[in-house]
Structures are given as structure tokens and as C-alpha cells.
Amino acid sequence: MLFDSWSDVVRVSVMGAAAYSFMVVLLRVSGKRTLAALNAFDLVVTVALGSILATIALSSEVSLADGLTAIVVLVAAQSAVAWLSVHAPPVRRFVRAEASVVFSDGDFDTAAMTKVRLTEGEIRQAIRSSGSGDLEQIAAVVLETNGSLSVIAVDHCHTGTALPAQLSKNKTAPCAAPSK
């Protein structure tokens, strides 16, 4: 069906604009952290908010009040989980992924790579994308909590204090060029 009625077009326009405006105001009030794309939990919230907005705009069976209530509940739940993850370590461990070192000291950590489902080729691609063509000039590659790969060159590593704790447990120095 290409066109049903003008009243449906007007309803979708009014409901969509109202729900969108409300969501923008609510997200501005709730802070930048609400839609930060930092981890899987944040992605789920972002997708759910988009789904709710689309449902409000397109479904005549969902009232504006019901849809706005769903948005408020979702934003409040996300804010509560974010607050708890900052203040309660058990919640943080449950909600947030830990960064994983997948390459250090010139070696690929195959156990870590298997755990996070990452291939050697993907790590090499990240290294090339960072502008390096020499594995020996890379101190570490870290799979971050948001799924991106951070490549730390030996000449930028210095003390390595920003590296995940699992590297500091190694007996080798991750911020020195590997010996040949």
C-alpha cells in the first residue's frame, strides 16, 4: 500500500515530532553518558530507544504517553545502571567488559584472542591502520571495552601506566622493544 490516508500521515508526523523532541530534551537533561557508545549495554539502550521512537511514530496502538513513559523508564534504568557501575564494583564487573591485551612483547596472545574471537589478521590490520608496518615497534594491542583496538607503539608507551592491569602482571616489560 502506497498511501492510506492524510490523517495517518499527520498522526505519524505529530507523534514522531513530539516523541523525538521529548527524547532530545530528556537525553540532554540526563547527560552525555546516556548515549555513550562505550559497551554492549550502551548499544542495547541506544537501539531500544530508537525502536521505541519508531513505535511511537508508526504504531497507532501505542499512545504518546505510553511511548514517552517507556523512554523515561529506559533512560532512568540506564542512568541507574551507570551510577551503580561507578559505585558498586560487582555491578561494574557484570555490566562492563574488561579491556583485553591481545598482543604484547612481539607475541600474539592466542588464548586472549580466542576468548574475544579476534584473529591475527584483524590485529595486524589494526597495527597497519595505526601507521606501523613493524610488529617489533608495537608494545601492545588492546581490545577496548567498546570493541575498538588500541595500538600502542613502543616509542609512545613510556611507563605503560595506561595499559590494562594484566600486562603489569607479566614479567616482561611491555613498553620496551622485544628482543630479537
C-alpha atoms as a PDB file:
ATOM      1  CA  MET A   1       0.000   0.000   0.000  1.00  0.00           C
ATOM      2  CA  LEU A   2       1.479   3.343  -1.041  1.00  0.00           C
ATOM      3  CA  PHE A   3      -0.928   5.693   0.719  1.00  0.00           C
ATOM      4  CA  ASP A   4      -3.678   5.115   3.259  1.00  0.00           C
ATOM      5  CA  SER A   5      -4.938   8.497   4.439  1.00  0.00           C
ATOM      6  CA  TRP A   6      -3.831  12.014   5.234  1.00  0.00           C
ATOM      7  CA  SER A   7      -4.876  11.551   8.842  1.00  0.00           C
ATOM      8  CA  ASP A   8      -2.292   8.757   9.230  1.00  0.00           C
ATOM      9  CA  VAL A   9       0.419  10.961   7.729  1.00  0.00           C
ATOM     10  CA  VAL A  10      -0.469  13.791  10.099  1.00  0.00           C
ATOM     11  CA  ARG A  11      -0.593  11.439  13.106  1.00  0.00           C
ATOM     12  CA  VAL A  12       2.851   9.985  12.286  1.00  0.00           C
ATOM     13  CA  SER A  13       4.258  13.495  11.788  1.00  0.00           C
ATOM     14  CA  VAL A  14       2.844  14.848  15.055  1.00  0.00           C
ATOM     15  CA  MET A  15       3.669  11.754  17.134  1.00  0.00           C
ATOM     16  CA  GLY A  16       7.147  11.430  15.654  1.00  0.00           C
ATOM     17  CA  ALA A  17       7.972  15.103  16.210  1.00  0.00           C
ATOM     18  CA  ALA A  18       6.601  15.076  19.755  1.00  0.00           C
ATOM     19  CA  ALA A  19       8.402  11.864  20.746  1.00  0.00           C
ATOM     20  CA  TYR A  20      11.639  12.994  19.122  1.00  0.00           C
ATOM     21  CA  SER A  21      11.523  16.394  20.834  1.00  0.00           C
ATOM     22  CA  PHE A  22      10.815  14.782  24.187  1.00  0.00           C
ATOM     23  CA  MET A  23      13.661  12.295  23.758  1.00  0.00           C
ATOM     24  CA  VAL A  24      16.153  15.029  22.791  1.00  0.00           C
ATOM     25  CA  VAL A  25      15.229  17.088  25.859  1.00  0.00           C
ATOM     26  CA  LEU A  26      15.349  14.042  28.149  1.00  0.00           C
ATOM     27  CA  LEU A  27      18.729  12.935  26.793  1.00  0.00           C
ATOM     28  CA  ARG A  28      20.166  16.437  27.187  1.00  0.00           C
ATOM     29  CA  VAL A  29      18.929  16.565  30.786  1.00  0.00           C
ATOM     30  CA  SER A  30      20.191  13.073  31.606  1.00  0.00           C
ATOM     31  CA  GLY A  31      23.718  13.849  30.412  1.00  0.00           C
ATOM     32  CA  LYS A  32      26.238  12.752  27.832  1.00  0.00           C
ATOM     33  CA  ARG A  33      26.715   9.331  29.395  1.00  0.00           C
ATOM     34  CA  THR A  34      23.205   8.176  28.455  1.00  0.00           C
ATOM     35  CA  LEU A  35      24.062   7.504  24.811  1.00  0.00           C
ATOM     36  CA  ALA A  36      27.788   6.951  25.079  1.00  0.00           C
ATOM     37  CA  ALA A  37      28.771   4.085  22.821  1.00  0.00           C
ATOM     38  CA  LEU A  38      31.133   2.536  25.328  1.00  0.00           C
ATOM     39  CA  ASN A  39      29.962  -1.036  25.666  1.00  0.00           C
ATOM     40  CA  ALA A  40      27.311  -3.579  24.780  1.00  0.00           C
ATOM     41  CA  PHE A  41      24.898  -2.316  27.443  1.00  0.00           C
ATOM     42  CA  ASP A  42      25.001   1.205  25.996  1.00  0.00           C
ATOM     43  CA  LEU A  43      24.432  -0.165  22.496  1.00  0.00           C
ATOM     44  CA  VAL A  44      21.348  -2.042  23.671  1.00  0.00           C
ATOM     45  CA  VAL A  45      19.949   1.138  25.244  1.00  0.00           C
ATOM     46  CA  THR A  46      20.601   3.122  22.065  1.00  0.00           C
ATOM     47  CA  VAL A  47      18.901   0.524  19.861  1.00  0.00           C
ATOM     48  CA  ALA A  48      15.960   0.218  22.275  1.00  0.00           C
ATOM     49  CA  LEU A  49      15.456   3.998  22.327  1.00  0.00           C
ATOM     50  CA  GLY A  50      15.381   4.027  18.523  1.00  0.00           C
ATOM     51  CA  SER A  51      12.891   1.192  18.492  1.00  0.00           C
ATOM     52  CA  ILE A  52      10.628   2.938  20.994  1.00  0.00           C
ATOM     53  CA  LEU A  53      10.774   6.166  18.989  1.00  0.00           C
ATOM     54  CA  ALA A  54       9.836   4.329  15.789  1.00  0.00           C
ATOM     55  CA  THR A  55       6.996   2.504  17.532  1.00  0.00           C
ATOM     56  CA  ILE A  56       5.583   5.756  18.926  1.00  0.00           C
ATOM     57  CA  ALA A  57       5.721   7.374  15.496  1.00  0.00           C
ATOM     58  CA  LEU A  58       4.344   4.489  13.461  1.00  0.00           C
ATOM     59  CA  SER A  59       2.008   2.458  15.651  1.00  0.00           C
ATOM     60  CA  SER A  60      -1.462   3.831  16.221  1.00  0.00           C
ATOM     61  CA  GLU A  61      -1.874   1.277  19.007  1.00  0.00           C
ATOM     62  CA  VAL A  62       0.748   2.996  21.201  1.00  0.00           C
ATOM     63  CA  SER A  63      -0.264   6.261  22.817  1.00  0.00           C
ATOM     64  CA  LEU A  64       2.182   9.130  23.115  1.00  0.00           C
ATOM     65  CA  ALA A  65       2.011   8.866  26.920  1.00  0.00           C
ATOM     66  CA  ASP A  66       2.833   5.138  26.803  1.00  0.00           C
ATOM     67  CA  GLY A  67       5.772   5.705  24.484  1.00  0.00           C
ATOM     68  CA  LEU A  68       7.183   8.615  26.471  1.00  0.00           C
ATOM     69  CA  THR A  69       6.847   6.569  29.649  1.00  0.00           C
ATOM     70  CA  ALA A  70       8.834   3.761  28.012  1.00  0.00           C
ATOM     71  CA  ILE A  71      11.569   6.247  27.049  1.00  0.00           C
ATOM     72  CA  VAL A  72      11.715   7.646  30.597  1.00  0.00           C
ATOM     73  CA  VAL A  73      11.890   4.144  32.103  1.00  0.00           C
ATOM     74  CA  LEU A  74      14.690   3.119  29.742  1.00  0.00           C
ATOM     75  CA  VAL A  75      16.741   6.290  30.335  1.00  0.00           C
ATOM     76  CA  ALA A  76      16.211   6.007  34.099  1.00  0.00           C
ATOM     77  CA  ALA A  77      17.269   2.345  34.067  1.00  0.00           C
ATOM     78  CA  GLN A  78      20.366   3.180  32.029  1.00  0.00           C
ATOM     79  CA  SER A  79      21.230   6.013  34.414  1.00  0.00           C
ATOM     80  CA  ALA A  80      20.759   3.737  37.429  1.00  0.00           C
ATOM     81  CA  VAL A  81      22.973   1.016  35.954  1.00  0.00           C
ATOM     82  CA  ALA A  82      25.621   3.611  35.014  1.00  0.00           C
ATOM     83  CA  TRP A  83      25.546   5.039  38.555  1.00  0.00           C
ATOM     84  CA  LEU A  84      25.734   1.571  40.097  1.00  0.00           C
ATOM     85  CA  SER A  85      28.596   0.553  37.815  1.00  0.00           C
ATOM     86  CA  VAL A  86      30.582   3.543  39.072  1.00  0.00           C
ATOM     87  CA  HIS A  87      29.772   2.970  42.758  1.00  0.00           C
ATOM     88  CA  ALA A  88      29.444  -0.829  43.037  1.00  0.00           C
ATOM     89  CA  PRO A  89      32.341  -2.950  41.712  1.00  0.00           C
ATOM     90  CA  PRO A  90      30.245  -6.156  41.400  1.00  0.00           C
ATOM     91  CA  VAL A  91      27.772  -4.342  39.141  1.00  0.00           C
ATOM     92  CA  ARG A  92      30.640  -2.818  37.144  1.00  0.00           C
ATOM     93  CA  ARG A  93      32.167  -6.272  36.572  1.00  0.00           C
ATOM     94  CA  PHE A  94      28.789  -7.629  35.446  1.00  0.00           C
ATOM     95  CA  VAL A  95      27.881  -4.746  33.116  1.00  0.00           C
ATOM     96  CA  ARG A  96      31.242  -3.648  31.737  1.00  0.00           C
ATOM     97  CA  ALA A  97      33.704  -5.696  29.764  1.00  0.00           C
ATOM     98  CA  GLU A  98      37.374  -5.540  30.660  1.00  0.00           C
ATOM     99  CA  ALA A  99      39.975  -4.435  28.165  1.00  0.00           C
ATOM    100  CA  SER A 100      41.996  -7.387  26.830  1.00  0.00           C
ATOM    101  CA  VAL A 101      45.601  -7.383  25.727  1.00  0.00           C
ATOM    102  CA  VAL A 102      45.768  -9.440  22.534  1.00  0.00           C
ATOM    103  CA  PHE A 103      49.343  -8.623  21.510  1.00  0.00           C
ATOM    104  CA  SER A 104      52.364  -7.644  23.593  1.00  0.00           C
ATOM    105  CA  ASP A 105      56.108  -8.052  23.602  1.00  0.00           C
ATOM    106  CA  GLY A 106      56.044  -9.110  19.947  1.00  0.00           C
ATOM    107  CA  ASP A 107      53.681 -12.031  20.590  1.00  0.00           C
ATOM    108  CA  PHE A 108      50.041 -12.669  19.819  1.00  0.00           C
ATOM    109  CA  ASP A 109      48.140 -13.870  22.897  1.00  0.00           C
ATOM    110  CA  THR A 110      46.206 -16.698  21.273  1.00  0.00           C
ATOM    111  CA  ALA A 111      44.281 -17.539  24.450  1.00  0.00           C
ATOM    112  CA  ALA A 112      43.029 -13.948  24.759  1.00  0.00           C
ATOM    113  CA  MET A 113      42.346 -13.786  21.014  1.00  0.00           C
ATOM    114  CA  THR A 114      40.252 -16.954  21.166  1.00  0.00           C
ATOM    115  CA  LYS A 115      38.324 -15.682  24.185  1.00  0.00           C
ATOM    116  CA  VAL A 116      37.398 -12.401  22.432  1.00  0.00           C
ATOM    117  CA  ARG A 117      37.005 -14.021  18.978  1.00  0.00           C
ATOM    118  CA  LEU A 118      39.701 -11.989  17.266  1.00  0.00           C
ATOM    119  CA  THR A 119      42.037 -13.174  14.510  1.00  0.00           C
ATOM    120  CA  GLU A 120      45.691 -12.430  13.964  1.00  0.00           C
ATOM    121  CA  GLY A 121      44.717 -10.792  10.679  1.00  0.00           C
ATOM    122  CA  GLU A 122      42.407  -8.323  12.460  1.00  0.00           C
ATOM    123  CA  ILE A 123      45.173  -7.386  14.876  1.00  0.00           C
ATOM    124  CA  ARG A 124      47.663  -6.946  12.023  1.00  0.00           C
ATOM    125  CA  GLN A 125      45.112  -4.751  10.235  1.00  0.00           C
ATOM    126  CA  ALA A 126      44.774  -2.543  13.337  1.00  0.00           C
ATOM    127  CA  ILE A 127      48.557  -2.254  13.517  1.00  0.00           C
ATOM    128  CA  ARG A 128      48.756  -1.258   9.846  1.00  0.00           C
ATOM    129  CA  SER A 129      45.894   1.210  10.331  1.00  0.00           C
ATOM    130  CA  SER A 130      47.874   2.829  13.134  1.00  0.00           C
ATOM    131  CA  GLY A 131      50.620   3.576  10.618  1.00  0.00           C
ATOM    132  CA  SER A 132      53.058   0.881  11.638  1.00  0.00           C
ATOM    133  CA  GLY A 133      54.364  -1.910   9.473  1.00  0.00           C
ATOM    134  CA  ASP A 134      56.689  -3.462  12.040  1.00  0.00           C
ATOM    135  CA  LEU A 135      55.400  -5.681  14.841  1.00  0.00           C
ATOM    136  CA  GLU A 136      58.610  -5.112  16.787  1.00  0.00           C
ATOM    137  CA  GLN A 137      57.725  -1.443  17.151  1.00  0.00           C
ATOM    138  CA  ILE A 138      54.427  -2.276  18.848  1.00  0.00           C
ATOM    139  CA  ALA A 139      54.391  -2.548  22.637  1.00  0.00           C
ATOM    140  CA  ALA A 140      50.805  -3.779  22.870  1.00  0.00           C
ATOM    141  CA  VAL A 141      47.448  -4.061  21.138  1.00  0.00           C
ATOM    142  CA  VAL A 142      44.437  -3.802  23.427  1.00  0.00           C
ATOM    143  CA  LEU A 143      40.847  -4.767  22.622  1.00  0.00           C
ATOM    144  CA  GLU A 144      38.998  -1.966  24.386  1.00  0.00           C
ATOM    145  CA  THR A 145      35.673  -2.249  26.194  1.00  0.00           C
ATOM    146  CA  ASN A 146      33.898  -0.630  23.232  1.00  0.00           C
ATOM    147  CA  GLY A 147      35.275  -3.194  20.756  1.00  0.00           C
ATOM    148  CA  SER A 148      37.945  -0.992  19.196  1.00  0.00           C
ATOM    149  CA  LEU A 149      41.604  -1.978  19.005  1.00  0.00           C
ATOM    150  CA  SER A 150      44.169   0.378  20.507  1.00  0.00           C
ATOM    151  CA  VAL A 151      47.698   0.051  19.193  1.00  0.00           C
ATOM    152  CA  ILE A 152      50.453   1.310  21.483  1.00  0.00           C
ATOM    153  CA  ALA A 153      53.804   1.863  19.806  1.00  0.00           C
ATOM    154  CA  VAL A 154      56.965   1.201  21.794  1.00  0.00           C
ATOM    155  CA  ASP A 155      58.087   4.820  21.390  1.00  0.00           C
ATOM    156  CA  HIS A 156      54.774   6.061  22.820  1.00  0.00           C
ATOM    157  CA  CYS A 157      54.450   3.575  25.653  1.00  0.00           C
ATOM    158  CA  HIS A 158      56.880   5.074  28.196  1.00  0.00           C
ATOM    159  CA  THR A 159      55.804   3.674  31.596  1.00  0.00           C
ATOM    160  CA  GLY A 160      52.746   1.868  30.298  1.00  0.00           C
ATOM    161  CA  THR A 161      50.570   3.041  33.186  1.00  0.00           C
ATOM    162  CA  ALA A 162      47.507   3.282  30.927  1.00  0.00           C
ATOM    163  CA  LEU A 163      47.777  -0.358  29.869  1.00  0.00           C
ATOM    164  CA  PRO A 164      45.410  -2.961  31.365  1.00  0.00           C
ATOM    165  CA  ALA A 165      46.454  -4.498  34.667  1.00  0.00           C
ATOM    166  CA  GLN A 166      47.028  -7.901  33.076  1.00  0.00           C
ATOM    167  CA  LEU A 167      50.155  -6.505  31.356  1.00  0.00           C
ATOM    168  CA  SER A 168      51.656  -5.317  34.614  1.00  0.00           C
ATOM    169  CA  LYS A 169      51.475  -8.918  35.854  1.00  0.00           C
ATOM    170  CA  ASN A 170      53.778 -10.028  33.028  1.00  0.00           C
ATOM    171  CA  LYS A 171      57.406 -10.493  33.920  1.00  0.00           C
ATOM    172  CA  THR A 172      58.492  -8.810  30.683  1.00  0.00           C
ATOM    173  CA  ALA A 173      58.451  -5.089  30.047  1.00  0.00           C
ATOM    174  CA  PRO A 174      55.629  -4.345  27.579  1.00  0.00           C
ATOM    175  CA  CYS A 175      56.991  -0.901  26.810  1.00  0.00           C
ATOM    176  CA  ALA A 176      60.370  -2.000  25.592  1.00  0.00           C
ATOM    177  CA  ALA A 177      61.056  -3.275  22.114  1.00  0.00           C
ATOM    178  CA  PRO A 178      61.064  -7.079  22.074  1.00  0.00           C
ATOM    179  CA  SER A 179      64.465  -8.653  21.829  1.00  0.00           C
ATOM    180  CA  LYS A 180      65.326 -10.403  18.567  1.00  0.00           C
END
